[in-house]
C-alpha atoms as a PDB file:
ATOM      1  CA  MET A   1      95.814 105.571 119.696  1.00  0.00           C
ATOM      2  CA  GLY A   2      92.960 105.468 117.054  1.00  0.00           C
ATOM      3  CA  SER A   3      91.063 102.730 118.736  1.00  0.00           C
ATOM      4  CA  SER A   4      87.941 104.916 119.002  1.00  0.00           C
ATOM      5  CA  PHE A   5      88.079 105.542 115.225  1.00  0.00           C
ATOM      6  CA  LEU A   6      88.554 101.831 114.616  1.00  0.00           C
ATOM      7  CA  ASN A   7      85.478 100.972 116.707  1.00  0.00           C
ATOM      8  CA  GLY A   8      83.370 103.809 115.339  1.00  0.00           C
ATOM      9  CA  GLU A   9      83.461 105.397 112.006  1.00  0.00           C
ATOM     10  CA  GLY A  10      86.426 103.303 110.844  1.00  0.00           C
ATOM     11  CA  ASN A  11      84.436 100.059 111.528  1.00  0.00           C
ATOM     12  CA  ASN A  12      87.571  98.015 111.984  1.00  0.00           C
ATOM     13  CA  ILE A  13      86.621  96.335 115.249  1.00  0.00           C
ATOM     14  CA  VAL A  14      88.482  93.086 114.370  1.00  0.00           C
ATOM     15  CA  MET A  15      91.736  94.918 113.958  1.00  0.00           C
ATOM     16  CA  SER A  16      91.123  97.016 117.108  1.00  0.00           C
ATOM     17  CA  GLU A  17      90.660  93.832 119.175  1.00  0.00           C
ATOM     18  CA  ASP A  18      93.563  91.933 117.491  1.00  0.00           C
ATOM     19  CA  LEU A  19      95.991  94.777 118.251  1.00  0.00           C
ATOM     20  CA  LYS A  20      95.321  94.291 121.952  1.00  0.00           C
ATOM     21  CA  LYS A  21      96.198  90.667 122.046  1.00  0.00           C
ATOM     22  CA  LYS A  22     100.006  91.068 122.403  1.00  0.00           C
ATOM     23  CA  LYS A  23     102.836  93.493 122.995  1.00  0.00           C
ATOM     24  CA  ARG A  24     103.330  95.847 120.015  1.00  0.00           C
ATOM     25  CA  TYR A  25     105.804  98.632 119.323  1.00  0.00           C
ATOM     26  CA  TRP A  26     104.284 101.868 117.988  1.00  0.00           C
ATOM     27  CA  LEU A  27     105.699 104.896 116.212  1.00  0.00           C
ATOM     28  CA  GLY A  28     103.841 107.917 114.975  1.00  0.00           C
ATOM     29  CA  PRO A  29     101.900 109.545 113.667  1.00  0.00           C
ATOM     30  CA  ILE A  30     104.669 110.578 111.236  1.00  0.00           C
ATOM     31  CA  GLU A  31     104.305 112.184 107.771  1.00  0.00           C
ATOM     32  CA  ILE A  32     105.498 109.757 105.182  1.00  0.00           C
ATOM     33  CA  ASP A  33     105.541 109.596 101.383  1.00  0.00           C
ATOM     34  CA  ILE A  34     102.597 107.400 100.523  1.00  0.00           C
ATOM     35  CA  LYS A  35     104.614 105.579  97.875  1.00  0.00           C
ATOM     36  CA  TYR A  36     106.070 103.510 100.674  1.00  0.00           C
ATOM     37  CA  LEU A  37     102.695 102.132 101.773  1.00  0.00           C
ATOM     38  CA  VAL A  38     101.374  98.790 100.586  1.00  0.00           C
ATOM     39  CA  ARG A  39      97.615  98.382 100.283  1.00  0.00           C
ATOM     40  CA  VAL A  40      96.135  95.011 101.243  1.00  0.00           C
ATOM     41  CA  THR A  41      92.606  95.928 100.156  1.00  0.00           C
ATOM     42  CA  GLY A  42      91.376  97.083  96.699  1.00  0.00           C
ATOM     43  CA  PRO A  43      90.010  95.923  93.395  1.00  0.00           C
ATOM     44  CA  GLU A  44      93.296  94.447  92.231  1.00  0.00           C
ATOM     45  CA  GLU A  45      93.204  90.628  92.044  1.00  0.00           C
ATOM     46  CA  HIS A  46      96.622  90.119  93.681  1.00  0.00           C
ATOM     47  CA  LEU A  47      95.604  91.843  96.950  1.00  0.00           C
ATOM     48  CA  GLU A  48      94.860  89.981 100.145  1.00  0.00           C
ATOM     49  CA  TYR A  49      91.331  91.476 100.325  1.00  0.00           C
ATOM     50  CA  VAL A  50      89.787  91.906  96.869  1.00  0.00           C
ATOM     51  CA  GLU A  51      86.855  94.330  96.646  1.00  0.00           C
ATOM     52  CA  ASP A  52      84.409  94.944  93.926  1.00  0.00           C
ATOM     53  CA  VAL A  53      85.664  97.720  91.693  1.00  0.00           C
ATOM     54  CA  LYS A  54      82.320  99.664  91.745  1.00  0.00           C
ATOM     55  CA  TRP A  55      82.251  99.460  95.586  1.00  0.00           C
ATOM     56  CA  TRP A  56      85.891 100.533  95.776  1.00  0.00           C
ATOM     57  CA  ASN A  57      85.420 103.525  93.503  1.00  0.00           C
ATOM     58  CA  TYR A  58      82.260 104.577  95.338  1.00  0.00           C
ATOM     59  CA  ASN A  59      84.161 104.593  98.695  1.00  0.00           C
ATOM     60  CA  ILE A  60      87.154 106.340  97.166  1.00  0.00           C
ATOM     61  CA  ASP A  61      84.912 109.120  95.652  1.00  0.00           C
ATOM     62  CA  GLN A  62      83.184 109.639  99.059  1.00  0.00           C
ATOM     63  CA  ILE A  63      86.525 110.096 100.819  1.00  0.00           C
ATOM     64  CA  CYS A  64      87.836 112.374  98.087  1.00  0.00           C
ATOM     65  CA  SER A  65      84.825 114.611  98.564  1.00  0.00           C
ATOM     66  CA  ARG A  66      85.456 114.710 102.304  1.00  0.00           C
ATOM     67  CA  LEU A  67      89.111 115.480 101.936  1.00  0.00           C
ATOM     68  CA  GLU A  68      88.326 118.261  99.400  1.00  0.00           C
ATOM     69  CA  SER A  69      85.871 119.716 101.937  1.00  0.00           C
ATOM     70  CA  GLY A  70      88.630 119.902 104.580  1.00  0.00           C
ATOM     71  CA  TRP A  71      88.112 116.624 106.488  1.00  0.00           C
ATOM     72  CA  ASP A  72      90.737 116.195 109.154  1.00  0.00           C
ATOM     73  CA  MET A  73      91.283 112.508 108.179  1.00  0.00           C
ATOM     74  CA  PRO A  74      92.733 110.207 110.848  1.00  0.00           C
ATOM     75  CA  PRO A  75      96.258 108.743 110.267  1.00  0.00           C
ATOM     76  CA  LEU A  76      96.663 105.516 108.360  1.00  0.00           C
ATOM     77  CA  ILE A  77      97.854 102.533 110.357  1.00  0.00           C
ATOM     78  CA  ALA A  78     100.446 100.091 109.025  1.00  0.00           C
ATOM     79  CA  GLU A  79     102.422  97.098 110.186  1.00  0.00           C
ATOM     80  CA  ASN A  80     106.099  97.020 109.603  1.00  0.00           C
ATOM     81  CA  ALA A  81     106.463  93.498 108.156  1.00  0.00           C
ATOM     82  CA  ASN A  82     108.737  91.800 105.660  1.00  0.00           C
ATOM     83  CA  GLY A  83     110.290  95.056 104.478  1.00  0.00           C
ATOM     84  CA  ASN A  84     106.962  96.758 103.896  1.00  0.00           C
ATOM     85  CA  PHE A  85     104.561  99.082 105.586  1.00  0.00           C
ATOM     86  CA  ARG A  86     101.418  96.976 105.119  1.00  0.00           C
ATOM     87  CA  LEU A  87      98.340  99.060 105.491  1.00  0.00           C
ATOM     88  CA  HIS A  88      95.902  97.435 107.941  1.00  0.00           C
ATOM     89  CA  ASP A  89      93.614 100.461 108.382  1.00  0.00           C
ATOM     90  CA  GLY A  90      93.176 103.137 105.785  1.00  0.00           C
ATOM     91  CA  ASN A  91      93.268 101.318 102.454  1.00  0.00           C
ATOM     92  CA  HIS A  92      90.291 103.317 101.107  1.00  0.00           C
ATOM     93  CA  ARG A  93      91.748 106.522 102.535  1.00  0.00           C
ATOM     94  CA  LEU A  94      95.062 105.779 100.833  1.00  0.00           C
ATOM     95  CA  GLY A  95      93.283 105.119  97.529  1.00  0.00           C
ATOM     96  CA  ALA A  96      91.569 108.496  97.859  1.00  0.00           C
ATOM     97  CA  LEU A  97      94.968 110.205  98.522  1.00  0.00           C
ATOM     98  CA  GLN A  98      96.425 108.446  95.416  1.00  0.00           C
ATOM     99  CA  LYS A  99      93.437 109.562  93.335  1.00  0.00           C
ATOM    100  CA  LEU A 100      93.928 113.132  94.533  1.00  0.00           C
ATOM    101  CA  ASN A 101      97.668 112.928  93.679  1.00  0.00           C
ATOM    102  CA  ARG A 102      98.692 113.645  97.312  1.00  0.00           C
ATOM    103  CA  GLU A 103     102.225 112.566  98.032  1.00  0.00           C
ATOM    104  CA  LYS A 104     102.357 112.492 101.792  1.00  0.00           C
ATOM    105  CA  TYR A 105     100.145 111.590 104.760  1.00  0.00           C
ATOM    106  CA  TYR A 106     100.345 110.705 108.352  1.00  0.00           C
ATOM    107  CA  LEU A 107     101.041 107.143 109.412  1.00  0.00           C
ATOM    108  CA  ILE A 108     101.057 105.178 112.653  1.00  0.00           C
ATOM    109  CA  ILE A 109     103.346 102.162 112.465  1.00  0.00           C
ATOM    110  CA  TRP A 110     103.520  99.077 114.619  1.00  0.00           C
ATOM    111  CA  ASP A 111     105.990  96.243 114.800  1.00  0.00           C
ATOM    112  CA  ASP A 112     105.735  92.983 116.721  1.00  0.00           C
ATOM    113  CA  HIS A 113     109.354  92.964 117.641  1.00  0.00           C
ATOM    114  CA  SER A 114     111.044  96.335 118.243  1.00  0.00           C
ATOM    115  CA  TYR A 115     111.124 100.047 117.601  1.00  0.00           C
ATOM    116  CA  GLU A 116     114.434  99.482 115.924  1.00  0.00           C
ATOM    117  CA  ASN A 117     112.721  97.467 113.153  1.00  0.00           C
ATOM    118  CA  ILE A 118     110.514 100.457 112.388  1.00  0.00           C
ATOM    119  CA  ILE A 119     113.399 102.973 112.593  1.00  0.00           C
ATOM    120  CA  ASN A 120     115.519 100.805 110.276  1.00  0.00           C
ATOM    121  CA  HIS A 121     112.728 100.485 107.658  1.00  0.00           C
ATOM    122  CA  LEU A 122     112.197 104.212 107.741  1.00  0.00           C
ATOM    123  CA  LYS A 123     115.875 104.710 107.130  1.00  0.00           C
ATOM    124  CA  ASN A 124     115.584 102.398 104.131  1.00  0.00           C
ATOM    125  CA  CYS A 125     112.842 104.745 102.831  1.00  0.00           C
ATOM    126  CA  GLY A 126     115.138 107.707 103.271  1.00  0.00           C
ATOM    127  CA  ILE A 127     113.534 108.984 106.511  1.00  0.00           C
ATOM    128  CA  ASN A 128     115.854 109.612 109.459  1.00  0.00           C
ATOM    129  CA  MET A 129     114.119 109.799 112.878  1.00  0.00           C
ATOM    130  CA  LYS A 130     115.944 112.227 115.309  1.00  0.00           C
END
């Protein structure tokens, strides 16, 4: 699952270790409309992890350049929680996708309770899994 990315270029070692602490249910990667994803990191004051706007924009611009050069970007990783797909890995990458007006990208989703929770939330987003 993207643990090598999380521990390498992605530099999200805390998340990588935390994900291993208990049983989780995984789905993906699936292509999803990015409008259903909720960032937890960014320059907006209401977010869980607020980042300096200059640093945010610098990171977004770097990722945009890589995407425009054909980077095969890893999927985003979100938790299915409280009726949202909360992005725990890929907030900057999502910001770049938004800046480039991309509508869809690949997502890996986890849920602490069941696959059915993920499937039901996808149905609420208009996505039927076969």
